Amino acid sequence: MTIEKVAVIGAGLMGSGIAAQVANAGVPVILLDIVPKDAEDRSMLAKSAIDKLLKSNPAALMHKNNAKLITPGNMEDDLELLNGCDWIIEVVLEDLKIKHSTYEKINKYRKKGSVVSSNTSTIPLHLLTEPFDKTFKEDFLITHFFNPVRYMGLLEIVKNENNDLDKINSLKKFCEHELGKGAIVCNDTPGFLGNRVGVFAMQVAMTEAFRMKLSIEEADAVFGRPMGIPKTGVFGLYDLIGIDLMADVLKSFIKELSKKDPFQEVAKEIPLISKLIQTGYTGRKGKGGFYRMNKQNNQKILEAINLETGEYSPTKKIDLGIETVNLKLLIERKDKYGEYAWSVISKIIKYASSLVPAITDKFNDIDEAMRLGFNW
């Protein structure tokens, strides 16, 4: 199978980002979206998305001329364009009914043998294809890109027993060689690979900080650069993602995973987090979260919440005396920081290794997923 033309259904942030990266590879791409009510230009959503790509910062396009490879259209007038595409990527709302309706349209117009994939991060593969015939199931898989698409190296290709493995291998090769991705093939399980391990790791780092009575500055200092993790740490990353969004992600894992899965223990509701969400402290997009910016005497002061009392106070710098990544030095410390580091790392390694071979049969895929998808 060769991929010479691609279509992306859904011109939002992720969809347009994927279209841009395909164009960056020099491959023509069709970008379709719905027709807005009472719109004078029926393809305005896709055209507007291309305009935003040209102005995006960081730049989604490697060169502005690459935008010429993106053809805008809509889901009512331009579906026949799908017939010329080798790979069709769905990036619509995370709603199963909307996705099924989209696949019905795609299946009517796509050419025989074309690959169809979803960018979903939450809906299992078997549910996406449930109403469709054997041929569609063989050609359908999940391709989970990470945002921003141009800069995040990980691409999860999710398969199940219905898939044509030759097509998966051809798609993997295209994504690695042409799109510049680290493509990890994994099985159809909740959270796939990156989020399954990444979210578990975050929850362990958080729950252990509560248990060991560390401040959020202390936890972030340990679960940060010394571990080879970006300086946000766990609480800073929670604020960046959105505390309310993380709560929804955890509910999904609780629902989908076995009651015996160790994830269930670290995903339990934490009263302080529930209170933060209820009061609008959902992270950087809200009034603040675990950290907040406060004004005193016309000066902005970064404050951190006390995990026991829920009160804010000015942040305190924690100096571990470790300038570079050094796990050995970190876990051998004879203090609470060393104890916390080993407790977190050991739990993450134990859980991650237990996912082989259920999710992937290669241990190194787990390391690559965390490096490419989370920059850990």
Protein backbone atom coordinates (compact mmCIF):
# COMPACT_ATOMS: atom_id res chain seq x y z
CA MET A 1 0.00 0.00 0.00
CA THR A 2 1.32 3.44 -0.94
CA ILE A 3 -0.02 6.71 0.45
CA GLU A 4 -0.09 9.48 -2.14
CA LYS A 5 -3.11 11.45 -0.95
CA VAL A 6 -4.71 11.89 2.46
CA ALA A 7 -8.02 13.26 3.78
CA VAL A 8 -8.67 14.69 7.24
CA ILE A 9 -12.25 14.95 8.50
CA GLY A 10 -12.50 17.66 11.15
CA ALA A 11 -10.71 21.00 10.86
CA GLY A 12 -10.24 21.80 14.54
CA LEU A 13 -6.89 22.21 16.28
CA MET A 14 -5.88 18.56 15.98
CA GLY A 15 -7.37 17.93 12.55
CA SER A 16 -5.75 20.98 10.97
CA GLY A 17 -2.47 20.13 12.74
CA ILE A 18 -2.49 16.64 11.23
CA ALA A 19 -3.31 18.08 7.79
CA ALA A 20 -0.41 20.52 8.15
CA GLN A 21 2.06 17.74 8.97
CA VAL A 22 0.90 15.68 5.99
CA ALA A 23 1.41 18.77 3.81
CA ASN A 24 4.85 19.25 5.39
CA ALA A 25 5.70 15.81 3.99
CA GLY A 26 4.82 17.05 0.51
CA VAL A 27 1.64 14.93 0.35
CA PRO A 28 -1.65 16.49 -0.89
CA VAL A 29 -4.37 16.48 1.76
CA ILE A 30 -8.12 17.17 1.72
CA LEU A 31 -9.46 18.97 4.84
CA LEU A 32 -13.22 18.68 5.38
CA ASP A 33 -15.59 19.89 8.08
CA ILE A 34 -19.33 20.42 8.55
CA VAL A 35 -21.31 23.17 6.89
CA PRO A 36 -22.10 25.88 9.47
CA LYS A 37 -25.72 27.00 9.70
CA ASP A 38 -26.55 29.96 7.43
CA ALA A 39 -22.92 30.12 6.21
CA GLU A 40 -22.28 32.08 3.02
CA ASP A 41 -19.16 29.99 2.39
CA ARG A 42 -20.05 26.34 2.99
CA SER A 43 -16.37 25.39 3.44
CA MET A 44 -15.55 28.28 5.76
CA LEU A 45 -14.46 26.06 8.68
CA ALA A 46 -11.75 24.31 6.68
CA LYS A 47 -10.64 27.57 5.01
CA SER A 48 -10.50 29.33 8.38
CA ALA A 49 -8.41 26.46 9.78
CA ILE A 50 -5.85 26.89 6.98
CA ASP A 51 -5.68 30.64 7.69
CA LYS A 52 -4.97 29.84 11.35
CA LEU A 53 -2.23 27.40 10.36
CA LEU A 54 -0.48 30.18 8.46
CA LYS A 55 -0.46 32.34 11.61
CA SER A 56 0.08 29.65 14.27
CA ASN A 57 2.81 29.96 16.89
CA PRO A 58 4.68 27.67 17.12
CA ALA A 59 4.38 27.24 13.37
CA ALA A 60 2.44 24.16 12.27
CA LEU A 61 3.69 24.49 8.69
CA MET A 62 7.39 24.11 7.90
CA HIS A 63 6.89 26.56 5.04
CA LYS A 64 3.84 28.67 4.26
CA ASN A 65 3.80 27.32 0.71
CA ASN A 66 2.90 23.92 2.17
CA ALA A 67 -0.61 25.29 2.81
CA LYS A 68 -1.18 25.07 -0.96
CA LEU A 69 -1.18 21.27 -0.61
CA ILE A 70 -4.25 21.47 1.67
CA THR A 71 -7.58 21.52 -0.20
CA PRO A 72 -10.48 22.82 1.94
CA GLY A 73 -14.00 21.44 1.60
CA ASN A 74 -17.10 20.35 3.49
CA MET A 75 -18.86 17.14 4.43
CA GLU A 76 -21.89 17.75 2.23
CA ASP A 77 -20.51 18.91 -1.10
CA ASP A 78 -17.04 17.36 -1.28
CA LEU A 79 -17.29 13.77 -0.06
CA GLU A 80 -16.50 12.48 -3.56
CA LEU A 81 -12.96 13.78 -3.03
CA LEU A 82 -12.43 10.89 -0.60
CA ASN A 83 -12.39 8.48 -3.51
CA GLY A 84 -8.92 9.65 -4.47
CA CYS A 85 -7.43 9.25 -0.97
CA ASP A 86 -5.34 6.37 0.33
CA TRP A 87 -5.71 7.30 4.01
CA ILE A 88 -8.72 9.02 5.61
CA ILE A 89 -8.29 10.35 9.18
CA GLU A 90 -11.32 11.19 11.32
CA VAL A 91 -10.81 13.92 13.92
CA VAL A 92 -14.37 14.83 14.96
CA LEU A 93 -15.96 15.16 18.41
CA GLU A 94 -15.42 12.34 20.93
CA ASP A 95 -19.02 11.20 20.50
CA LEU A 96 -19.67 7.67 19.28
CA LYS A 97 -22.87 8.56 17.40
CA ILE A 98 -21.16 11.40 15.53
CA LYS A 99 -18.22 9.16 14.67
CA HIS A 100 -20.46 6.34 13.38
CA SER A 101 -22.39 8.81 11.23
CA THR A 102 -19.08 10.11 9.84
CA TYR A 103 -17.86 6.59 9.05
CA GLU A 104 -21.05 5.81 7.15
CA LYS A 105 -20.35 8.77 4.86
CA ILE A 106 -16.68 7.86 4.53
CA ASN A 107 -17.47 4.23 3.72
CA LYS A 108 -19.88 5.27 0.98
CA TYR A 109 -17.29 7.34 -0.88
CA ARG A 110 -13.87 5.88 -0.05
CA LYS A 111 -12.01 3.78 -2.57
CA LYS A 112 -11.54 0.05 -2.04
CA GLY A 113 -8.60 -0.76 0.23
CA SER A 114 -8.10 2.74 1.62
CA VAL A 115 -7.15 3.01 5.28
CA VAL A 116 -9.55 4.78 7.63
CA SER A 117 -8.43 5.84 11.10
CA SER A 118 -9.64 7.80 14.10
CA ASN A 119 -7.56 10.18 16.20
CA THR A 120 -9.57 9.30 19.31
CA SER A 121 -7.76 9.13 22.63
CA THR A 122 -10.63 7.68 24.66
CA ILE A 123 -12.99 5.45 22.63
CA PRO A 124 -11.97 1.77 22.16
CA LEU A 125 -11.40 0.54 18.63
CA HIS A 126 -13.99 -2.24 18.85
CA LEU A 127 -16.74 0.26 19.71
CA LEU A 128 -15.81 2.51 16.78
CA THR A 129 -16.24 -0.28 14.23
CA GLU A 130 -19.03 -2.28 15.90
CA PRO A 131 -21.82 -1.47 13.37
CA PHE A 132 -19.67 -2.06 10.28
CA ASP A 133 -18.79 -5.05 8.11
CA LYS A 134 -15.63 -7.17 8.09
CA THR A 135 -14.01 -5.25 5.22
CA PHE A 136 -14.35 -1.90 6.98
CA LYS A 137 -12.99 -3.39 10.23
CA GLU A 138 -9.92 -4.72 8.40
CA ASP A 139 -9.18 -1.25 7.00
CA PHE A 140 -9.96 0.72 10.18
CA LEU A 141 -7.62 1.52 13.08
CA ILE A 142 -6.76 4.30 15.52
CA THR A 143 -3.93 6.74 14.83
CA HIS A 144 -3.52 8.80 17.99
CA PHE A 145 -1.43 11.92 17.35
CA PHE A 146 -0.25 14.16 20.18
CA ASN A 147 -0.62 17.95 20.20
CA PRO A 148 1.05 20.01 18.76
CA VAL A 149 1.25 17.51 15.93
CA ARG A 150 4.36 18.89 14.22
CA TYR A 151 6.46 18.88 17.40
CA MET A 152 5.27 15.84 19.39
CA GLY A 153 7.07 12.74 18.21
CA LEU A 154 4.69 10.01 19.37
CA LEU A 155 2.04 8.43 17.17
CA GLU A 156 0.12 5.48 18.61
CA ILE A 157 -1.23 3.07 16.00
CA VAL A 158 -3.89 0.99 17.74
CA LYS A 159 -4.96 -2.34 16.27
CA ASN A 160 -7.06 -5.36 17.15
CA GLU A 161 -7.63 -8.86 15.80
CA ASN A 162 -9.63 -7.60 12.79
CA ASN A 163 -6.87 -5.54 11.22
CA ASP A 164 -4.83 -6.22 8.09
CA LEU A 165 -1.28 -6.28 9.49
CA ASP A 166 0.33 -5.55 6.11
CA LYS A 167 -1.57 -2.27 5.94
CA ILE A 168 -0.58 -1.40 9.51
CA ASN A 169 3.09 -1.97 8.68
CA SER A 170 2.80 0.14 5.51
CA LEU A 171 1.12 2.95 7.45
CA LYS A 172 3.74 2.74 10.21
CA LYS A 173 6.51 3.06 7.64
CA PHE A 174 4.83 6.09 6.04
CA CYS A 175 4.31 7.82 9.40
CA GLU A 176 7.91 7.25 10.45
CA HIS A 177 9.64 8.04 7.14
CA GLU A 178 7.36 10.77 5.76
CA LEU A 179 5.71 12.33 8.82
CA GLY A 180 8.75 11.98 11.06
CA LYS A 181 6.91 10.20 13.87
CA GLY A 182 7.92 7.55 16.33
CA ALA A 183 5.07 5.17 15.55
CA ILE A 184 4.27 2.66 18.28
CA VAL A 185 1.85 -0.16 17.42
CA CYS A 186 -0.24 -1.20 20.42
CA ASN A 187 -3.35 -3.19 21.21
CA ASP A 188 -6.87 -1.88 21.82
CA THR A 189 -6.82 -1.28 25.59
CA PRO A 190 -7.97 1.72 27.71
CA GLY A 191 -5.67 4.73 27.29
CA PHE A 192 -3.62 2.76 24.75
CA LEU A 193 0.05 2.98 25.77
CA GLY A 194 1.19 6.57 26.35
CA ASN A 195 -1.73 7.76 28.44
CA ARG A 196 -2.07 4.46 30.28
CA VAL A 197 1.46 4.76 31.66
CA GLY A 198 1.67 8.56 31.70
CA VAL A 199 -1.53 9.21 33.61
CA PHE A 200 -0.74 6.36 36.02
CA ALA A 201 2.69 7.91 36.65
CA MET A 202 1.13 11.31 37.34
CA GLN A 203 -1.38 9.80 39.75
CA VAL A 204 1.33 7.90 41.61
CA ALA A 205 3.45 11.05 41.93
CA MET A 206 0.43 12.94 43.25
CA THR A 207 -0.98 10.35 45.65
CA GLU A 208 2.46 9.62 47.09
CA ALA A 209 2.98 13.35 47.71
CA PHE A 210 -0.29 13.41 49.68
CA ARG A 211 0.63 10.23 51.58
CA MET A 212 4.14 11.37 52.48
CA LYS A 213 3.00 14.94 53.28
CA LEU A 214 5.31 16.62 50.76
CA SER A 215 4.57 20.13 49.59
CA ILE A 216 3.72 20.49 45.92
CA GLU A 217 6.97 22.38 45.37
CA GLU A 218 8.91 19.46 46.88
CA ALA A 219 7.06 16.88 44.80
CA ASP A 220 7.56 18.88 41.59
CA ALA A 221 11.26 19.36 42.35
CA VAL A 222 11.71 15.58 42.57
CA PHE A 223 9.23 14.48 39.89
CA GLY A 224 10.85 16.90 37.46
CA ARG A 225 14.26 17.49 35.93
CA PRO A 226 16.22 15.11 38.23
CA MET A 227 13.95 12.32 36.93
CA GLY A 228 14.26 13.44 33.33
CA ILE A 229 10.78 14.97 33.38
CA PRO A 230 9.99 18.59 32.30
CA LYS A 231 10.28 21.16 35.08
CA THR A 232 6.49 21.47 35.47
CA GLY A 233 6.57 18.36 37.66
CA VAL A 234 3.28 16.61 38.40
CA PHE A 235 1.25 19.40 40.00
CA GLY A 236 2.40 21.94 37.42
CA LEU A 237 1.48 19.50 34.65
CA TYR A 238 -1.95 18.94 36.22
CA ASP A 239 -2.53 22.71 36.09
CA LEU A 240 -1.33 22.87 32.49
CA ILE A 241 -3.61 20.04 31.29
CA GLY A 242 -6.61 21.17 33.35
CA ILE A 243 -7.62 19.67 36.70
CA ASP A 244 -11.20 19.13 35.49
CA LEU A 245 -10.04 17.44 32.28
CA MET A 246 -7.80 15.10 34.29
CA ALA A 247 -10.76 14.22 36.51
CA ASP A 248 -12.75 13.20 33.41
CA VAL A 249 -9.81 11.14 32.11
CA LEU A 250 -9.61 9.30 35.43
CA LYS A 251 -13.36 8.56 35.40
CA SER A 252 -12.91 6.95 31.98
CA PHE A 253 -10.06 4.76 33.23
CA ILE A 254 -12.04 3.75 36.33
CA LYS A 255 -14.96 2.72 34.12
CA GLU A 256 -12.95 0.83 31.50
CA LEU A 257 -10.27 -0.93 33.56
CA SER A 258 -10.63 -4.09 35.63
CA LYS A 259 -11.48 -3.52 39.28
CA LYS A 260 -8.25 -5.38 40.10
CA ASP A 261 -6.06 -3.05 38.03
CA PRO A 262 -3.62 -1.07 40.26
CA PHE A 263 -4.74 2.05 38.38
CA GLN A 264 -8.02 1.95 40.33
CA GLU A 265 -6.21 2.67 43.60
CA VAL A 266 -4.39 5.80 42.40
CA ALA A 267 -7.40 7.10 40.45
CA LYS A 268 -9.66 7.49 43.50
CA GLU A 269 -11.30 10.87 44.02
CA ILE A 270 -9.29 13.28 46.18
CA PRO A 271 -11.45 15.75 48.20
CA LEU A 272 -9.06 18.68 47.65
CA ILE A 273 -9.18 18.21 43.87
CA SER A 274 -12.98 18.04 43.88
CA LYS A 275 -13.07 21.29 45.86
CA LEU A 276 -10.68 23.00 43.43
CA ILE A 277 -12.89 22.06 40.47
CA GLN A 278 -16.08 23.16 42.25
CA THR A 279 -14.60 26.59 43.02
CA GLY A 280 -13.27 27.20 39.50
CA TYR A 281 -9.63 26.44 40.29
CA THR A 282 -9.17 24.18 37.27
CA GLY A 283 -5.57 25.12 36.47
CA ARG A 284 -3.99 27.69 34.19
CA LYS A 285 -7.19 28.11 32.17
CA GLY A 286 -9.11 28.96 35.34
CA LYS A 287 -8.40 31.07 38.43
CA GLY A 288 -5.41 28.88 39.19
CA GLY A 289 -5.03 25.37 40.49
CA PHE A 290 -2.32 23.84 42.62
CA TYR A 291 -0.44 27.01 41.75
CA ARG A 292 -1.98 30.43 41.28
CA MET A 293 -0.77 33.93 40.53
CA ASN A 294 -1.78 36.47 43.18
CA LYS A 295 -1.28 40.23 43.37
CA GLN A 296 0.19 41.86 46.45
CA ASN A 297 1.25 45.53 46.52
CA ASN A 298 0.92 45.69 42.72
CA GLN A 299 3.30 42.75 42.37
CA LYS A 300 2.48 39.32 40.97
CA ILE A 301 3.38 36.53 43.36
CA LEU A 302 3.26 32.83 42.49
CA GLU A 303 1.51 30.89 45.26
CA ALA A 304 1.18 27.17 45.94
CA ILE A 305 -1.59 25.35 47.74
CA ASN A 306 -1.03 23.42 50.96
CA LEU A 307 -2.20 19.85 50.31
CA GLU A 308 -3.38 19.45 53.91
CA THR A 309 -5.08 22.77 54.61
CA GLY A 310 -6.04 23.95 51.12
CA GLU A 311 -4.56 27.38 51.85
CA TYR A 312 -2.25 29.25 49.46
CA SER A 313 1.11 30.78 50.32
CA PRO A 314 4.08 32.10 48.28
CA THR A 315 6.03 29.30 46.60
CA LYS A 316 9.30 28.12 48.10
CA LYS A 317 12.27 27.15 45.94
CA ILE A 318 13.44 23.60 46.57
CA ASP A 319 17.10 22.96 45.76
CA LEU A 320 17.94 19.25 45.61
CA GLY A 321 21.52 19.93 44.58
CA ILE A 322 21.05 17.82 41.43
CA GLU A 323 21.65 19.79 38.25
CA THR A 324 21.11 17.06 35.65
CA VAL A 325 19.13 13.83 35.26
CA ASN A 326 20.50 11.43 37.87
CA LEU A 327 18.09 8.71 38.99
CA LYS A 328 20.75 6.79 40.94
CA LEU A 329 21.71 9.82 43.00
CA LEU A 330 18.06 10.71 43.52
CA ILE A 331 16.83 7.36 44.83
CA GLU A 332 19.92 6.84 47.02
CA ARG A 333 19.28 10.01 49.01
CA LYS A 334 18.76 9.26 52.71
CA ASP A 335 15.92 11.74 53.12
CA LYS A 336 12.24 12.13 52.29
CA TYR A 337 13.09 13.15 48.73
CA GLY A 338 14.95 9.92 48.06
CA GLU A 339 12.16 7.91 49.67
CA TYR A 340 9.54 9.71 47.56
CA ALA A 341 11.57 9.27 44.37
CA TRP A 342 12.01 5.53 44.84
CA SER A 343 8.39 5.00 45.86
CA VAL A 344 7.18 6.75 42.70
CA ILE A 345 9.70 5.22 40.28
CA SER A 346 9.32 1.67 41.56
CA LYS A 347 5.53 1.78 41.30
CA ILE A 348 5.66 3.19 37.76
CA ILE A 349 8.19 0.60 36.56
CA LYS A 350 6.25 -2.26 38.14
CA TYR A 351 2.98 -1.14 36.56
CA ALA A 352 4.46 -0.35 33.15
CA SER A 353 6.19 -3.72 32.92
CA SER A 354 2.94 -5.50 33.81
CA LEU A 355 1.41 -4.14 30.58
CA VAL A 356 3.66 -6.40 28.48
CA PRO A 357 2.40 -8.27 26.47
CA ALA A 358 -1.24 -7.14 26.90
CA ILE A 359 -0.67 -3.73 25.25
CA THR A 360 2.66 -4.22 23.49
CA ASP A 361 5.10 -7.12 23.33
CA LYS A 362 8.11 -4.79 23.38
CA PHE A 363 9.33 -3.26 26.64
CA ASN A 364 11.20 -0.57 24.71
CA ASP A 365 7.91 0.66 23.18
CA ILE A 366 6.90 1.83 26.65
CA ASP A 367 10.08 3.87 27.08
CA GLU A 368 9.73 5.33 23.58
CA ALA A 369 6.08 6.24 24.16
CA MET A 370 6.95 8.20 27.31
CA ARG A 371 9.94 9.90 25.68
CA LEU A 372 8.14 10.87 22.49
CA GLY A 373 4.67 11.56 23.90
CA PHE A 374 5.47 13.18 27.26
CA ASN A 375 9.08 14.32 26.81
CA TRP A 376 10.05 12.20 29.85
